Amino acid sequence: MASLMSQQHVKDFAAWKKVYDSVAGFRRSSGELSDQIFRDASDPNKLTLLFKWDSLANAQKFAGSAELKEAMQKAVLTCRLSSHS
């Protein structure tokens, strides 16, 4: 099992969440076991995401996938602050 943490800043949480939810099936089929979303109290568009994956290889494969890049473009990130596995 592997964990992945990502910090992101989005323009509009509601719009981002729609895109995030639309790729839930892809995340699951790629090996995601669970996800959590935390919003910053002073800036609700600043997010910390925590994921559990079935393997580090699958987490890394997902993180570098064209599907994720496409979803991130649709979600209109203002910046991707960091990602850690």
PDB file of N, CA and C in Angstrom:
ATOM      1  N   MET A   1       0.853  -1.176   0.000  1.00  0.00           N
ATOM      2  CA  MET A   1       0.000   0.000   0.000  1.00  0.00           C
ATOM      3  C   MET A   1       0.895   1.233   0.000  1.00  0.00           C
ATOM      4  N   ALA A   2       0.416   2.296  -0.633  1.00  0.00           N
ATOM      5  CA  ALA A   2       1.157   3.552  -0.725  1.00  0.00           C
ATOM      6  C   ALA A   2       0.215   4.717  -0.450  1.00  0.00           C
ATOM      7  N   SER A   3       0.790   5.815   0.004  1.00  0.00           N
ATOM      8  CA  SER A   3       0.034   7.047   0.237  1.00  0.00           C
ATOM      9  C   SER A   3       0.556   8.130  -0.685  1.00  0.00           C
ATOM     10  N   LEU A   4      -0.343   9.011  -1.094  1.00  0.00           N
ATOM     11  CA  LEU A   4       0.017  10.151  -1.926  1.00  0.00           C
ATOM     12  C   LEU A   4      -0.679  11.371  -1.353  1.00  0.00           C
ATOM     13  N   MET A   5       0.078  12.459  -1.197  1.00  0.00           N
ATOM     14  CA  MET A   5      -0.491  13.719  -0.734  1.00  0.00           C
ATOM     15  C   MET A   5      -0.250  14.757  -1.820  1.00  0.00           C
ATOM     16  N   SER A   6      -1.265  15.546  -2.115  1.00  0.00           N
ATOM     17  CA  SER A   6      -1.148  16.609  -3.101  1.00  0.00           C
ATOM     18  C   SER A   6      -1.768  17.878  -2.526  1.00  0.00           C
ATOM     19  N   GLN A   7      -1.088  19.000  -2.705  1.00  0.00           N
ATOM     20  CA  GLN A   7      -1.644  20.289  -2.307  1.00  0.00           C
ATOM     21  C   GLN A   7      -1.881  21.085  -3.575  1.00  0.00           C
ATOM     22  N   GLN A   8      -3.086  21.655  -3.675  1.00  0.00           N
ATOM     23  CA  GLN A   8      -3.478  22.377  -4.879  1.00  0.00           C
ATOM     24  C   GLN A   8      -4.227  23.645  -4.499  1.00  0.00           C
ATOM     25  N   HIS A   9      -4.173  24.592  -5.405  1.00  0.00           N
ATOM     26  CA  HIS A   9      -4.976  25.806  -5.248  1.00  0.00           C
ATOM     27  C   HIS A   9      -5.845  25.906  -6.490  1.00  0.00           C
ATOM     28  N   VAL A  10      -7.157  25.970  -6.311  1.00  0.00           N
ATOM     29  CA  VAL A  10      -8.100  25.983  -7.431  1.00  0.00           C
ATOM     30  C   VAL A  10      -8.802  27.334  -7.506  1.00  0.00           C
ATOM     31  N   LYS A  11      -9.327  27.643  -8.670  1.00  0.00           N
ATOM     32  CA  LYS A  11     -10.061  28.910  -8.833  1.00  0.00           C
ATOM     33  C   LYS A  11     -11.442  28.844  -8.202  1.00  0.00           C
ATOM     34  N   ASP A  12     -12.097  27.684  -8.334  1.00  0.00           N
ATOM     35  CA  ASP A  12     -13.485  27.540  -7.889  1.00  0.00           C
ATOM     36  C   ASP A  12     -13.668  26.101  -7.402  1.00  0.00           C
ATOM     37  N   PHE A  13     -13.840  25.926  -6.089  1.00  0.00           N
ATOM     38  CA  PHE A  13     -13.922  24.584  -5.520  1.00  0.00           C
ATOM     39  C   PHE A  13     -15.071  23.783  -6.122  1.00  0.00           C
ATOM     40  N   ALA A  14     -16.237  24.383  -6.277  1.00  0.00           N
ATOM     41  CA  ALA A  14     -17.400  23.653  -6.789  1.00  0.00           C
ATOM     42  C   ALA A  14     -17.137  23.116  -8.199  1.00  0.00           C
ATOM     43  N   ALA A  15     -16.539  23.939  -9.063  1.00  0.00           N
ATOM     44  CA  ALA A  15     -16.221  23.507 -10.421  1.00  0.00           C
ATOM     45  C   ALA A  15     -15.146  22.422 -10.387  1.00  0.00           C
ATOM     46  N   TRP A  16     -14.130  22.604  -9.540  1.00  0.00           N
ATOM     47  CA  TRP A  16     -13.073  21.599  -9.398  1.00  0.00           C
ATOM     48  C   TRP A  16     -13.653  20.273  -8.933  1.00  0.00           C
ATOM     49  N   LYS A  17     -14.560  20.318  -7.964  1.00  0.00           N
ATOM     50  CA  LYS A  17     -15.120  19.100  -7.374  1.00  0.00           C
ATOM     51  C   LYS A  17     -15.896  18.291  -8.413  1.00  0.00           C
ATOM     52  N   LYS A  18     -16.584  18.962  -9.318  1.00  0.00           N
ATOM     53  CA  LYS A  18     -17.311  18.248 -10.377  1.00  0.00           C
ATOM     54  C   LYS A  18     -16.338  17.438 -11.236  1.00  0.00           C
ATOM     55  N   VAL A  19     -15.223  18.046 -11.608  1.00  0.00           N
ATOM     56  CA  VAL A  19     -14.216  17.345 -12.409  1.00  0.00           C
ATOM     57  C   VAL A  19     -13.599  16.220 -11.586  1.00  0.00           C
ATOM     58  N   TYR A  20     -13.265  16.498 -10.334  1.00  0.00           N
ATOM     59  CA  TYR A  20     -12.684  15.495  -9.433  1.00  0.00           C
ATOM     60  C   TYR A  20     -13.598  14.277  -9.334  1.00  0.00           C
ATOM     61  N   ASP A  21     -14.869  14.517  -9.113  1.00  0.00           N
ATOM     62  CA  ASP A  21     -15.831  13.417  -8.998  1.00  0.00           C
ATOM     63  C   ASP A  21     -15.995  12.653 -10.321  1.00  0.00           C
ATOM     64  N   SER A  22     -15.833  13.345 -11.430  1.00  0.00           N
ATOM     65  CA  SER A  22     -16.023  12.702 -12.734  1.00  0.00           C
ATOM     66  C   SER A  22     -14.928  11.682 -13.051  1.00  0.00           C
ATOM     67  N   VAL A  23     -13.787  11.779 -12.406  1.00  0.00           N
ATOM     68  CA  VAL A  23     -12.697  10.818 -12.653  1.00  0.00           C
ATOM     69  C   VAL A  23     -12.530   9.824 -11.501  1.00  0.00           C
ATOM     70  N   ALA A  24     -13.517   9.757 -10.618  1.00  0.00           N
ATOM     71  CA  ALA A  24     -13.440   8.823  -9.487  1.00  0.00           C
ATOM     72  C   ALA A  24     -13.293   7.381  -9.967  1.00  0.00           C
ATOM     73  N   GLY A  25     -14.030   7.000 -10.988  1.00  0.00           N
ATOM     74  CA  GLY A  25     -13.939   5.641 -11.510  1.00  0.00           C
ATOM     75  C   GLY A  25     -12.557   5.332 -12.051  1.00  0.00           C
ATOM     76  N   PHE A  26     -11.955   6.303 -12.738  1.00  0.00           N
ATOM     77  CA  PHE A  26     -10.602   6.116 -13.265  1.00  0.00           C
ATOM     78  C   PHE A  26      -9.603   5.955 -12.118  1.00  0.00           C
ATOM     79  N   ARG A  27      -9.761   6.784 -11.062  1.00  0.00           N
ATOM     80  CA  ARG A  27      -8.851   6.657  -9.915  1.00  0.00           C
ATOM     81  C   ARG A  27      -8.971   5.267  -9.297  1.00  0.00           C
ATOM     82  N   ARG A  28     -10.193   4.821  -9.083  1.00  0.00           N
ATOM     83  CA  ARG A  28     -10.433   3.507  -8.466  1.00  0.00           C
ATOM     84  C   ARG A  28      -9.868   2.381  -9.329  1.00  0.00           C
ATOM     85  N   SER A  29     -10.116   2.434 -10.636  1.00  0.00           N
ATOM     86  CA  SER A  29      -9.625   1.374 -11.523  1.00  0.00           C
ATOM     87  C   SER A  29      -8.103   1.409 -11.662  1.00  0.00           C
ATOM     88  N   SER A  30      -7.495   2.536 -11.290  1.00  0.00           N
ATOM     89  CA  SER A  30      -6.037   2.663 -11.325  1.00  0.00           C
ATOM     90  C   SER A  30      -5.381   2.190 -10.032  1.00  0.00           C
ATOM     91  N   GLY A  31      -6.200   1.823  -9.032  1.00  0.00           N
ATOM     92  CA  GLY A  31      -5.642   1.287  -7.790  1.00  0.00           C
ATOM     93  C   GLY A  31      -5.861   2.139  -6.557  1.00  0.00           C
ATOM     94  N   GLU A  32      -6.604   3.241  -6.687  1.00  0.00           N
ATOM     95  CA  GLU A  32      -6.888   4.061  -5.511  1.00  0.00           C
ATOM     96  C   GLU A  32      -7.808   3.295  -4.555  1.00  0.00           C
ATOM     97  N   LEU A  33      -7.445   3.298  -3.288  1.00  0.00           N
ATOM     98  CA  LEU A  33      -8.250   2.632  -2.263  1.00  0.00           C
ATOM     99  C   LEU A  33      -9.126   3.613  -1.490  1.00  0.00           C
ATOM    100  N   SER A  34      -8.627   4.823  -1.283  1.00  0.00           N
ATOM    101  CA  SER A  34      -9.400   5.842  -0.561  1.00  0.00           C
ATOM    102  C   SER A  34      -8.854   7.225  -0.885  1.00  0.00           C
ATOM    103  N   ASP A  35      -9.679   8.240  -0.634  1.00  0.00           N
ATOM    104  CA  ASP A  35      -9.275   9.632  -0.834  1.00  0.00           C
ATOM    105  C   ASP A  35      -9.908  10.508   0.235  1.00  0.00           C
ATOM    106  N   GLN A  36      -9.217  11.578   0.563  1.00  0.00           N
ATOM    107  CA  GLN A  36      -9.728  12.572   1.507  1.00  0.00           C
ATOM    108  C   GLN A  36      -9.383  13.950   0.962  1.00  0.00           C
ATOM    109  N   ILE A  37     -10.310  14.886   1.123  1.00  0.00           N
ATOM    110  CA  ILE A  37     -10.113  16.269   0.691  1.00  0.00           C
ATOM    111  C   ILE A  37     -10.204  17.159   1.920  1.00  0.00           C
ATOM    112  N   PHE A  38      -9.184  18.004   2.097  1.00  0.00           N
ATOM    113  CA  PHE A  38      -9.174  18.979   3.192  1.00  0.00           C
ATOM    114  C   PHE A  38      -9.079  20.371   2.581  1.00  0.00           C
ATOM    115  N   ARG A  39      -9.924  21.291   3.079  1.00  0.00           N
ATOM    116  CA  ARG A  39      -9.923  22.667   2.594  1.00  0.00           C
ATOM    117  C   ARG A  39      -9.351  23.578   3.674  1.00  0.00           C
ATOM    118  N   ASP A  40      -8.526  24.510   3.261  1.00  0.00           N
ATOM    119  CA  ASP A  40      -7.910  25.460   4.181  1.00  0.00           C
ATOM    120  C   ASP A  40      -8.988  26.369   4.775  1.00  0.00           C
ATOM    121  N   ALA A  41      -8.959  26.587   6.071  1.00  0.00           N
ATOM    122  CA  ALA A  41      -9.978  27.397   6.747  1.00  0.00           C
ATOM    123  C   ALA A  41      -9.951  28.856   6.285  1.00  0.00           C
ATOM    124  N   SER A  42      -8.777  29.383   5.962  1.00  0.00           N
ATOM    125  CA  SER A  42      -8.698  30.783   5.547  1.00  0.00           C
ATOM    126  C   SER A  42      -8.829  30.968   4.037  1.00  0.00           C
ATOM    127  N   ASP A  43      -8.679  29.896   3.275  1.00  0.00           N
ATOM    128  CA  ASP A  43      -8.826  29.952   1.817  1.00  0.00           C
ATOM    129  C   ASP A  43      -9.406  28.617   1.353  1.00  0.00           C
ATOM    130  N   PRO A  44     -10.736  28.526   1.220  1.00  0.00           N
ATOM    131  CA  PRO A  44     -11.371  27.248   0.884  1.00  0.00           C
ATOM    132  C   PRO A  44     -11.027  26.716  -0.511  1.00  0.00           C
ATOM    133  N   ASN A  45     -10.307  27.477  -1.317  1.00  0.00           N
ATOM    134  CA  ASN A  45      -9.849  27.003  -2.619  1.00  0.00           C
ATOM    135  C   ASN A  45      -8.439  26.411  -2.552  1.00  0.00           C
ATOM    136  N   LYS A  46      -7.827  26.436  -1.372  1.00  0.00           N
ATOM    137  CA  LYS A  46      -6.530  25.793  -1.153  1.00  0.00           C
ATOM    138  C   LYS A  46      -6.817  24.421  -0.550  1.00  0.00           C
ATOM    139  N   LEU A  47      -6.384  23.366  -1.254  1.00  0.00           N
ATOM    140  CA  LEU A  47      -6.757  22.003  -0.904  1.00  0.00           C
ATOM    141  C   LEU A  47      -5.547  21.145  -0.561  1.00  0.00           C
ATOM    142  N   THR A  48      -5.758  20.217   0.346  1.00  0.00           N
ATOM    143  CA  THR A  48      -4.810  19.135   0.592  1.00  0.00           C
ATOM    144  C   THR A  48      -5.580  17.843   0.350  1.00  0.00           C
ATOM    145  N   LEU A  49      -5.032  16.995  -0.521  1.00  0.00           N
ATOM    146  CA  LEU A  49      -5.670  15.740  -0.879  1.00  0.00           C
ATOM    147  C   LEU A  49      -4.797  14.590  -0.401  1.00  0.00           C
ATOM    148  N   LEU A  50      -5.406  13.609   0.244  1.00  0.00           N
ATOM    149  CA  LEU A  50      -4.693  12.414   0.693  1.00  0.00           C
ATOM    150  C   LEU A  50      -5.321  11.195   0.036  1.00  0.00           C
ATOM    151  N   PHE A  51      -4.466  10.351  -0.522  1.00  0.00           N
ATOM    152  CA  PHE A  51      -4.925   9.153  -1.211  1.00  0.00           C
ATOM    153  C   PHE A  51      -4.185   7.928  -0.681  1.00  0.00           C
ATOM    154  N   LYS A  52      -4.862   6.814  -0.647  1.00  0.00           N
ATOM    155  CA  LYS A  52      -4.250   5.505  -0.403  1.00  0.00           C
ATOM    156  C   LYS A  52      -4.354   4.730  -1.705  1.00  0.00           C
ATOM    157  N   TRP A  53      -3.266   4.056  -2.074  1.00  0.00           N
ATOM    158  CA  TRP A  53      -3.191   3.282  -3.312  1.00  0.00           C
ATOM    159  C   TRP A  53      -2.796   1.852  -2.990  1.00  0.00           C
ATOM    160  N   ASP A  54      -3.150   0.955  -3.881  1.00  0.00           N
ATOM    161  CA  ASP A  54      -2.816  -0.451  -3.673  1.00  0.00           C
ATOM    162  C   ASP A  54      -1.320  -0.717  -3.831  1.00  0.00           C
ATOM    163  N   SER A  55      -0.610   0.161  -4.559  1.00  0.00           N
ATOM    164  CA  SER A  55       0.845   0.019  -4.699  1.00  0.00           C
ATOM    165  C   SER A  55       1.460   1.360  -5.072  1.00  0.00           C
ATOM    166  N   LEU A  56       2.721   1.524  -4.760  1.00  0.00           N
ATOM    167  CA  LEU A  56       3.432   2.742  -5.125  1.00  0.00           C
ATOM    168  C   LEU A  56       3.523   2.858  -6.644  1.00  0.00           C
ATOM    169  N   ALA A  57       3.734   1.744  -7.332  1.00  0.00           N
ATOM    170  CA  ALA A  57       3.820   1.765  -8.795  1.00  0.00           C
ATOM    171  C   ALA A  57       2.531   2.298  -9.421  1.00  0.00           C
ATOM    172  N   ASN A  58       1.384   1.870  -8.920  1.00  0.00           N
ATOM    173  CA  ASN A  58       0.108   2.358  -9.460  1.00  0.00           C
ATOM    174  C   ASN A  58      -0.111   3.829  -9.133  1.00  0.00           C
ATOM    175  N   ALA A  59       0.285   4.275  -7.940  1.00  0.00           N
ATOM    176  CA  ALA A  59       0.160   5.689  -7.575  1.00  0.00           C
ATOM    177  C   ALA A  59       1.005   6.548  -8.504  1.00  0.00           C
ATOM    178  N   GLN A  60       2.228   6.121  -8.762  1.00  0.00           N
ATOM    179  CA  GLN A  60       3.123   6.881  -9.636  1.00  0.00           C
ATOM    180  C   GLN A  60       2.631   6.864 -11.079  1.00  0.00           C
ATOM    181  N   LYS A  61       2.119   5.736 -11.524  1.00  0.00           N
ATOM    182  CA  LYS A  61       1.572   5.631 -12.878  1.00  0.00           C
ATOM    183  C   LYS A  61       0.386   6.586 -13.039  1.00  0.00           C
ATOM    184  N   PHE A  62      -0.510   6.607 -12.054  1.00  0.00           N
ATOM    185  CA  PHE A  62      -1.654   7.508 -12.098  1.00  0.00           C
ATOM    186  C   PHE A  62      -1.191   8.968 -12.105  1.00  0.00           C
ATOM    187  N   ALA A  63      -0.239   9.303 -11.228  1.00  0.00           N
ATOM    188  CA  ALA A  63       0.231  10.688 -11.108  1.00  0.00           C
ATOM    189  C   ALA A  63       0.830  11.205 -12.411  1.00  0.00           C
ATOM    190  N   GLY A  64       1.365  10.318 -13.236  1.00  0.00           N
ATOM    191  CA  GLY A  64       1.949  10.728 -14.502  1.00  0.00           C
ATOM    192  C   GLY A  64       1.063  10.495 -15.715  1.00  0.00           C
ATOM    193  N   SER A  65      -0.186  10.112 -15.479  1.00  0.00           N
ATOM    194  CA  SER A  65      -1.067   9.734 -16.591  1.00  0.00           C
ATOM    195  C   SER A  65      -1.599  10.936 -17.370  1.00  0.00           C
ATOM    196  N   ALA A  66      -1.836  10.700 -18.646  1.00  0.00           N
ATOM    197  CA  ALA A  66      -2.432  11.722 -19.507  1.00  0.00           C
ATOM    198  C   ALA A  66      -3.848  12.059 -19.037  1.00  0.00           C
ATOM    199  N   GLU A  67      -4.564  11.054 -18.521  1.00  0.00           N
ATOM    200  CA  GLU A  67      -5.927  11.272 -18.036  1.00  0.00           C
ATOM    201  C   GLU A  67      -5.951  12.259 -16.870  1.00  0.00           C
ATOM    202  N   LEU A  68      -4.985  12.136 -15.961  1.00  0.00           N
ATOM    203  CA  LEU A  68      -4.912  13.068 -14.829  1.00  0.00           C
ATOM    204  C   LEU A  68      -4.576  14.472 -15.325  1.00  0.00           C
ATOM    205  N   LYS A  69      -3.625  14.582 -16.229  1.00  0.00           N
ATOM    206  CA  LYS A  69      -3.250  15.898 -16.758  1.00  0.00           C
ATOM    207  C   LYS A  69      -4.442  16.580 -17.419  1.00  0.00           C
ATOM    208  N   GLU A  70      -5.218  15.799 -18.177  1.00  0.00           N
ATOM    209  CA  GLU A  70      -6.406  16.350 -18.837  1.00  0.00           C
ATOM    210  C   GLU A  70      -7.432  16.821 -17.801  1.00  0.00           C
ATOM    211  N   ALA A  71      -7.656  16.020 -16.777  1.00  0.00           N
ATOM    212  CA  ALA A  71      -8.615  16.394 -15.730  1.00  0.00           C
ATOM    213  C   ALA A  71      -8.146  17.648 -15.003  1.00  0.00           C
ATOM    214  N   MET A  72      -6.848  17.756 -14.747  1.00  0.00           N
ATOM    215  CA  MET A  72      -6.328  18.936 -14.045  1.00  0.00           C
ATOM    216  C   MET A  72      -6.522  20.192 -14.882  1.00  0.00           C
ATOM    217  N   GLN A  73      -6.394  20.076 -16.206  1.00  0.00           N
ATOM    218  CA  GLN A  73      -6.640  21.233 -17.065  1.00  0.00           C
ATOM    219  C   GLN A  73      -8.103  21.649 -17.014  1.00  0.00           C
ATOM    220  N   LYS A  74      -9.005  20.676 -16.993  1.00  0.00           N
ATOM    221  CA  LYS A  74     -10.434  20.970 -16.899  1.00  0.00           C
ATOM    222  C   LYS A  74     -10.792  21.583 -15.556  1.00  0.00           C
ATOM    223  N   ALA A  75     -10.082  21.177 -14.504  1.00  0.00           N
ATOM    224  CA  ALA A  75     -10.398  21.625 -13.149  1.00  0.00           C
ATOM    225  C   ALA A  75      -9.902  23.036 -12.871  1.00  0.00           C
ATOM    226  N   VAL A  76      -9.131  23.599 -13.738  1.00  0.00           N
ATOM    227  CA  VAL A  76      -8.630  24.968 -13.632  1.00  0.00           C
ATOM    228  C   VAL A  76      -7.899  25.193 -12.310  1.00  0.00           C
ATOM    229  N   LEU A  77      -6.780  24.515 -12.167  1.00  0.00           N
ATOM    230  CA  LEU A  77      -5.916  24.763 -11.011  1.00  0.00           C
ATOM    231  C   LEU A  77      -5.224  26.094 -11.211  1.00  0.00           C
ATOM    232  N   THR A  78      -5.121  26.881 -10.143  1.00  0.00           N
ATOM    233  CA  THR A  78      -4.304  28.083 -10.254  1.00  0.00           C
ATOM    234  C   THR A  78      -2.843  27.693 -10.086  1.00  0.00           C
ATOM    235  N   CYS A  79      -2.584  26.686  -9.262  1.00  0.00           N
ATOM    236  CA  CYS A  79      -1.250  26.111  -9.163  1.00  0.00           C
ATOM    237  C   CYS A  79      -1.328  24.790  -8.405  1.00  0.00           C
ATOM    238  N   ARG A  80      -0.391  23.931  -8.696  1.00  0.00           N
ATOM    239  CA  ARG A  80      -0.260  22.680  -7.963  1.00  0.00           C
ATOM    240  C   ARG A  80       0.884  22.915  -6.995  1.00  0.00           C
ATOM    241  N   LEU A  81       0.568  23.006  -5.729  1.00  0.00           N
ATOM    242  CA  LEU A  81       1.561  23.405  -4.750  1.00  0.00           C
ATOM    243  C   LEU A  81       2.604  22.328  -4.502  1.00  0.00           C
ATOM    244  N   SER A  82       2.180  21.067  -4.364  1.00  0.00           N
ATOM    245  CA  SER A  82       3.140  19.984  -4.153  1.00  0.00           C
ATOM    246  C   SER A  82       2.444  18.636  -4.227  1.00  0.00           C
ATOM    247  N   SER A  83       3.257  17.619  -4.454  1.00  0.00           N
ATOM    248  CA  SER A  83       2.780  16.237  -4.416  1.00  0.00           C
ATOM    249  C   SER A  83       3.874  15.397  -3.787  1.00  0.00           C
ATOM    250  N   HIS A  84       3.469  14.459  -2.928  1.00  0.00           N
ATOM    251  CA  HIS A  84       4.420  13.584  -2.257  1.00  0.00           C
ATOM    252  C   HIS A  84       3.863  12.180  -2.220  1.00  0.00           C
ATOM    253  N   SER A  85       4.728  11.206  -2.429  1.00  0.00           N
ATOM    254  CA  SER A  85       4.298   9.819  -2.288  1.00  0.00           C
ATOM    255  C   SER A  85       5.165   9.130  -1.262  1.00  0.00           C
TER     256      SER A  85
END
